[in-house]
Amino acid sequence: KYARARHVWVTLEQRDNQAVVTVRDDGVGFEVNDVGAGHHGLTGMRVRVEAHAGRLSMASGPAQGTRIRAELPTRSDAGTA
């Protein structure tokens, strides 16, 4: 919506005991260090992923597009059910 992307790529992979979801676009990008102020959706995604013992990473920059990657455990013994 805000990215003004022409293309979006979504991948889902199973790696060891993790599900890895990557969303990448060719949009306008943003300054990753500014996430928090005005980026409520991204902040909410991080909170939800971390609540399930996962990790969220972001790579972006002005005019560089964006890559968001969520790594979530697939085994119930990862600390959460």
Protein backbone atom coordinates (compact mmCIF):
# COMPACT_ATOMS: atom_id res chain seq x y z
CA LYS A 1 0.00 0.00 0.00
CA TYR A 2 2.60 2.56 1.07
CA ALA A 3 5.49 0.95 -0.80
CA ARG A 4 4.19 1.82 -4.27
CA ALA A 5 5.65 -1.50 -5.38
CA ARG A 6 5.12 -2.92 -8.85
CA HIS A 7 6.01 -6.47 -7.80
CA VAL A 8 5.83 -8.48 -4.58
CA TRP A 9 7.44 -11.88 -3.98
CA VAL A 10 6.39 -14.19 -1.14
CA THR A 11 8.21 -17.39 -0.21
CA LEU A 12 7.56 -19.98 2.47
CA GLU A 13 10.30 -22.46 3.33
CA GLN A 14 10.75 -25.22 5.88
CA ARG A 15 14.27 -25.12 7.36
CA ASP A 16 15.17 -27.57 10.09
CA ASN A 17 12.62 -26.79 12.82
CA GLN A 18 11.55 -23.42 11.41
CA ALA A 19 9.05 -22.02 8.97
CA VAL A 20 10.61 -19.07 7.14
CA VAL A 21 8.33 -16.56 5.41
CA THR A 22 9.93 -13.87 3.26
CA VAL A 23 8.08 -10.97 1.63
CA ARG A 24 10.05 -8.82 -0.78
CA ASP A 25 9.01 -5.90 -2.98
CA ASP A 26 10.47 -3.42 -5.45
CA GLY A 27 8.85 -0.39 -3.85
CA VAL A 28 10.19 2.90 -2.57
CA GLY A 29 11.66 1.39 0.61
CA PHE A 30 12.10 3.11 3.95
CA GLU A 31 14.72 3.79 6.59
CA VAL A 32 14.75 0.67 8.82
CA ASN A 33 16.11 2.66 11.79
CA ASP A 34 12.90 4.73 11.77
CA VAL A 35 10.60 1.72 12.33
CA GLY A 36 8.42 2.38 15.32
CA ALA A 37 7.34 5.94 14.72
CA GLY A 38 4.51 5.69 12.21
CA HIS A 39 5.15 2.03 11.31
CA HIS A 40 2.54 0.43 13.55
CA GLY A 41 1.96 -2.53 11.21
CA LEU A 42 5.64 -3.50 11.19
CA THR A 43 5.90 -3.07 14.95
CA GLY A 44 2.82 -5.25 15.42
CA MET A 45 4.28 -7.94 13.17
CA ARG A 46 7.46 -8.02 15.26
CA VAL A 47 5.49 -8.32 18.50
CA ARG A 48 3.38 -11.21 17.15
CA VAL A 49 6.37 -13.10 15.72
CA GLU A 50 8.39 -12.71 18.93
CA ALA A 51 5.37 -13.83 21.00
CA HIS A 52 5.70 -17.19 19.22
CA ALA A 53 9.45 -17.47 19.90
CA GLY A 54 10.26 -16.27 16.40
CA ARG A 55 12.45 -13.62 14.85
CA LEU A 56 11.55 -10.85 12.40
CA SER A 57 14.16 -9.12 10.27
CA MET A 58 13.84 -6.25 7.83
CA ALA A 59 16.08 -4.89 5.12
CA SER A 60 15.17 -1.74 3.23
CA GLY A 61 16.38 1.64 2.21
CA PRO A 62 15.11 4.58 0.19
CA ALA A 63 14.59 3.48 -3.44
CA GLN A 64 15.81 -0.07 -2.61
CA GLY A 65 12.60 -1.99 -1.99
CA THR A 66 11.97 -3.98 1.16
CA ARG A 67 12.54 -7.51 2.45
CA ILE A 68 10.77 -8.74 5.57
CA ARG A 69 11.59 -12.20 6.89
CA ALA A 70 9.83 -14.06 9.71
CA GLU A 71 11.39 -17.19 11.19
CA LEU A 72 9.03 -19.19 13.39
CA PRO A 73 9.64 -22.46 15.23
CA THR A 74 7.55 -25.37 13.96
CA ARG A 75 8.09 -27.64 16.97
CA SER A 76 5.99 -27.25 20.10
CA ASP A 77 9.06 -27.74 22.33
CA ALA A 78 10.39 -24.33 21.24
CA GLY A 79 9.00 -22.76 24.40
CA THR A 80 5.45 -22.06 23.25
CA ALA A 81 2.59 -24.32 22.30
